[in-house]
Structure formats: structure tokens, C-alpha cells
Amino acid sequence: MKLEKIYEKIKKYLELIEDDEIEKKKVSKLTEKIEDKISKIKEKVKSSSNIEEENRLREEIGILKKFKKQLKEKKD
């Protein structure tokens, strides 16, 4: 009996939440993770002495920035 009540409350709660709101939160969370990853890669570039590795890391940064831009466009 209690499970049924909990289920109904959850169902009502989920109906109140809009899908757009959830999607925007996910996009913003993912954007934050990308920014963290970019900053970590930049630190690796600064400490790296290998030119090939630096170029690879810079390419990764470029890819992440493009993805971040796409997320921003989707968010708007």
C-alpha cells in the first residue's frame, strides 16, 4: 500500500518537471565537465616537453571546444 502511494507521488512529481528543464541541466553539467577537461589538458600542455604530445593535446582541446560550442547552440 505504501509503495503505491510513493509511486503515485513520484509519478506526479515527474509530470511536474519539464523535459526541457532536465535537458538544460544535463547540457550545463556536460559543459562544465568539458571546461574542466580543457583546463586539465592545458595544464598537461604546459608541463609537456614532447612536441608531438603537445600537438595531440591541442587537437583534443580544439575538438572539445567545438563540442562545447555545439552544446551551447543546442542549449539556446
N, C-alpha and C. Protein backbone atom coordinates (compact mmCIF):
# COMPACT_ATOMS: atom_id res chain seq x y z
N MET A 1 0.82 -1.19 0.00
CA MET A 1 0.00 0.00 0.00
C MET A 1 0.87 1.26 0.00
N LYS A 2 1.90 1.28 0.82
CA LYS A 2 2.77 2.44 0.88
C LYS A 2 3.52 2.62 -0.44
N LEU A 3 3.91 1.53 -1.05
CA LEU A 3 4.62 1.61 -2.32
C LEU A 3 3.75 2.25 -3.39
N GLU A 4 2.48 1.96 -3.36
CA GLU A 4 1.56 2.56 -4.33
C GLU A 4 1.49 4.07 -4.15
N LYS A 5 1.45 4.51 -2.89
CA LYS A 5 1.41 5.95 -2.62
C LYS A 5 2.69 6.63 -3.07
N ILE A 6 3.80 5.99 -2.78
CA ILE A 6 5.09 6.54 -3.20
C ILE A 6 5.15 6.62 -4.72
N TYR A 7 4.70 5.57 -5.36
CA TYR A 7 4.69 5.53 -6.82
C TYR A 7 3.85 6.67 -7.39
N GLU A 8 2.69 6.91 -6.82
CA GLU A 8 1.82 7.98 -7.30
C GLU A 8 2.46 9.35 -7.09
N LYS A 9 3.11 9.54 -5.95
CA LYS A 9 3.78 10.82 -5.69
C LYS A 9 4.91 11.06 -6.68
N ILE A 10 5.68 10.02 -6.94
CA ILE A 10 6.77 10.13 -7.90
C ILE A 10 6.24 10.43 -9.28
N LYS A 11 5.17 9.76 -9.63
CA LYS A 11 4.56 9.97 -10.94
C LYS A 11 4.11 11.42 -11.10
N LYS A 12 3.47 11.97 -10.08
CA LYS A 12 3.02 13.36 -10.13
C LYS A 12 4.21 14.31 -10.20
N TYR A 13 5.24 14.00 -9.43
CA TYR A 13 6.44 14.84 -9.43
C TYR A 13 7.09 14.86 -10.81
N LEU A 14 7.20 13.71 -11.41
CA LEU A 14 7.81 13.63 -12.73
C LEU A 14 6.99 14.36 -13.79
N GLU A 15 5.70 14.37 -13.62
CA GLU A 15 4.84 15.10 -14.56
C GLU A 15 5.06 16.60 -14.43
N LEU A 16 5.39 17.06 -13.22
CA LEU A 16 5.60 18.48 -13.00
C LEU A 16 6.90 18.98 -13.62
N ILE A 17 7.87 18.11 -13.66
CA ILE A 17 9.17 18.50 -14.21
C ILE A 17 9.08 18.49 -15.73
N GLU A 18 9.54 19.55 -16.32
CA GLU A 18 9.52 19.62 -17.77
C GLU A 18 10.78 18.97 -18.32
N ASP A 19 10.65 18.33 -19.47
CA ASP A 19 11.78 17.68 -20.10
C ASP A 19 12.85 18.69 -20.50
N ASP A 20 12.44 19.86 -20.94
CA ASP A 20 13.40 20.89 -21.33
C ASP A 20 14.30 21.28 -20.17
N GLU A 21 13.72 21.37 -19.00
CA GLU A 21 14.47 21.75 -17.82
C GLU A 21 15.55 20.71 -17.52
N ILE A 22 15.19 19.46 -17.60
CA ILE A 22 16.13 18.38 -17.35
C ILE A 22 17.24 18.41 -18.39
N GLU A 23 16.88 18.59 -19.64
CA GLU A 23 17.86 18.62 -20.71
C GLU A 23 18.83 19.77 -20.53
N LYS A 24 18.33 20.93 -20.15
CA LYS A 24 19.20 22.09 -19.95
C LYS A 24 20.18 21.84 -18.81
N LYS A 25 19.73 21.18 -17.75
CA LYS A 25 20.61 20.86 -16.64
C LYS A 25 21.71 19.90 -17.08
N LYS A 26 21.33 18.90 -17.87
CA LYS A 26 22.31 17.94 -18.36
C LYS A 26 23.32 18.61 -19.26
N VAL A 27 22.86 19.49 -20.13
CA VAL A 27 23.75 20.19 -21.05
C VAL A 27 24.71 21.08 -20.26
N SER A 28 24.21 21.79 -19.27
CA SER A 28 25.09 22.67 -18.49
C SER A 28 26.10 21.85 -17.68
N LYS A 29 25.69 20.72 -17.17
CA LYS A 29 26.60 19.86 -16.42
C LYS A 29 27.69 19.32 -17.35
N LEU A 30 27.30 18.92 -18.54
CA LEU A 30 28.26 18.41 -19.52
C LEU A 30 29.22 19.51 -19.96
N THR A 31 28.71 20.72 -20.11
CA THR A 31 29.56 21.85 -20.47
C THR A 31 30.60 22.11 -19.39
N GLU A 32 30.21 22.02 -18.15
CA GLU A 32 31.15 22.19 -17.04
C GLU A 32 32.24 21.13 -17.07
N LYS A 33 31.85 19.89 -17.35
CA LYS A 33 32.83 18.81 -17.43
C LYS A 33 33.81 19.04 -18.57
N ILE A 34 33.31 19.54 -19.69
CA ILE A 34 34.18 19.83 -20.83
C ILE A 34 35.17 20.93 -20.47
N GLU A 35 34.69 21.97 -19.79
CA GLU A 35 35.58 23.06 -19.38
C GLU A 35 36.66 22.56 -18.42
N ASP A 36 36.30 21.68 -17.51
CA ASP A 36 37.28 21.10 -16.60
C ASP A 36 38.33 20.29 -17.37
N LYS A 37 37.87 19.52 -18.33
CA LYS A 37 38.77 18.69 -19.14
C LYS A 37 39.71 19.57 -19.94
N ILE A 38 39.20 20.66 -20.52
CA ILE A 38 40.04 21.58 -21.29
C ILE A 38 41.12 22.17 -20.39
N SER A 39 40.76 22.59 -19.20
CA SER A 39 41.76 23.19 -18.30
C SER A 39 42.81 22.16 -17.89
N LYS A 40 42.42 20.92 -17.68
CA LYS A 40 43.38 19.88 -17.33
C LYS A 40 44.34 19.61 -18.50
N ILE A 41 43.79 19.60 -19.70
CA ILE A 41 44.64 19.37 -20.87
C ILE A 41 45.60 20.54 -21.06
N LYS A 42 45.15 21.76 -20.82
CA LYS A 42 46.03 22.92 -20.94
C LYS A 42 47.19 22.82 -19.96
N GLU A 43 46.92 22.32 -18.77
CA GLU A 43 47.99 22.13 -17.79
C GLU A 43 48.99 21.09 -18.28
N LYS A 44 48.49 20.03 -18.91
CA LYS A 44 49.37 19.00 -19.46
C LYS A 44 50.24 19.58 -20.57
N VAL A 45 49.65 20.46 -21.40
CA VAL A 45 50.41 21.08 -22.49
C VAL A 45 51.55 21.92 -21.91
N LYS A 46 51.28 22.65 -20.85
CA LYS A 46 52.30 23.49 -20.23
C LYS A 46 53.46 22.66 -19.68
N SER A 47 53.12 21.51 -19.11
CA SER A 47 54.15 20.69 -18.47
C SER A 47 54.82 19.70 -19.43
N SER A 48 54.29 19.58 -20.62
CA SER A 48 54.82 18.62 -21.58
C SER A 48 56.04 19.18 -22.30
N SER A 49 57.00 18.29 -22.53
CA SER A 49 58.20 18.68 -23.28
C SER A 49 58.23 18.03 -24.65
N ASN A 50 57.30 17.13 -24.90
CA ASN A 50 57.22 16.42 -26.16
C ASN A 50 56.32 17.19 -27.13
N ILE A 51 56.86 17.58 -28.27
CA ILE A 51 56.12 18.39 -29.24
C ILE A 51 54.95 17.62 -29.82
N GLU A 52 55.16 16.34 -30.10
CA GLU A 52 54.07 15.52 -30.67
C GLU A 52 52.90 15.43 -29.70
N GLU A 53 53.22 15.24 -28.44
CA GLU A 53 52.17 15.15 -27.42
C GLU A 53 51.44 16.48 -27.28
N GLU A 54 52.18 17.58 -27.32
CA GLU A 54 51.56 18.91 -27.24
C GLU A 54 50.59 19.12 -28.39
N ASN A 55 51.00 18.74 -29.61
CA ASN A 55 50.12 18.90 -30.77
C ASN A 55 48.85 18.06 -30.62
N ARG A 56 49.01 16.84 -30.13
CA ARG A 56 47.85 15.96 -29.92
C ARG A 56 46.90 16.55 -28.89
N LEU A 57 47.47 17.08 -27.82
CA LEU A 57 46.66 17.69 -26.77
C LEU A 57 45.95 18.94 -27.28
N ARG A 58 46.62 19.72 -28.11
CA ARG A 58 45.99 20.92 -28.68
C ARG A 58 44.84 20.54 -29.60
N GLU A 59 45.00 19.44 -30.33
CA GLU A 59 43.90 18.95 -31.18
C GLU A 59 42.71 18.54 -30.33
N GLU A 60 42.98 17.87 -29.20
CA GLU A 60 41.91 17.47 -28.29
C GLU A 60 41.17 18.70 -27.76
N ILE A 61 41.93 19.74 -27.43
CA ILE A 61 41.31 20.97 -26.94
C ILE A 61 40.40 21.56 -28.00
N GLY A 62 40.87 21.57 -29.24
CA GLY A 62 40.06 22.08 -30.34
C GLY A 62 38.76 21.31 -30.51
N ILE A 63 38.86 19.99 -30.44
CA ILE A 63 37.67 19.14 -30.56
C ILE A 63 36.69 19.41 -29.43
N LEU A 64 37.21 19.51 -28.21
CA LEU A 64 36.35 19.79 -27.05
C LEU A 64 35.68 21.16 -27.16
N LYS A 65 36.41 22.14 -27.67
CA LYS A 65 35.82 23.48 -27.83
C LYS A 65 34.71 23.46 -28.87
N LYS A 66 34.89 22.71 -29.94
CA LYS A 66 33.84 22.59 -30.96
C LYS A 66 32.60 21.93 -30.35
N PHE A 67 32.82 20.87 -29.58
CA PHE A 67 31.71 20.17 -28.95
C PHE A 67 30.99 21.08 -27.97
N LYS A 68 31.76 21.86 -27.22
CA LYS A 68 31.18 22.80 -26.26
C LYS A 68 30.32 23.84 -26.98
N LYS A 69 30.80 24.31 -28.14
CA LYS A 69 30.05 25.27 -28.93
C LYS A 69 28.74 24.67 -29.41
N GLN A 70 28.78 23.41 -29.85
CA GLN A 70 27.58 22.72 -30.29
C GLN A 70 26.57 22.58 -29.16
N LEU A 71 27.06 22.26 -27.98
CA LEU A 71 26.17 22.16 -26.82
C LEU A 71 25.53 23.49 -26.50
N LYS A 72 26.33 24.55 -26.59
CA LYS A 72 25.80 25.89 -26.31
C LYS A 72 24.68 26.24 -27.29
N GLU A 73 24.88 25.90 -28.56
CA GLU A 73 23.85 26.17 -29.57
C GLU A 73 22.59 25.36 -29.28
N LYS A 74 22.77 24.13 -28.83
CA LYS A 74 21.62 23.28 -28.53
C LYS A 74 20.88 23.80 -27.30
N LYS A 75 21.63 24.31 -26.35
CA LYS A 75 21.03 24.82 -25.10
C LYS A 75 20.13 26.01 -25.36
N ASP A 76 20.54 26.86 -26.31
CA ASP A 76 19.76 28.07 -26.62
C ASP A 76 18.58 27.75 -27.43
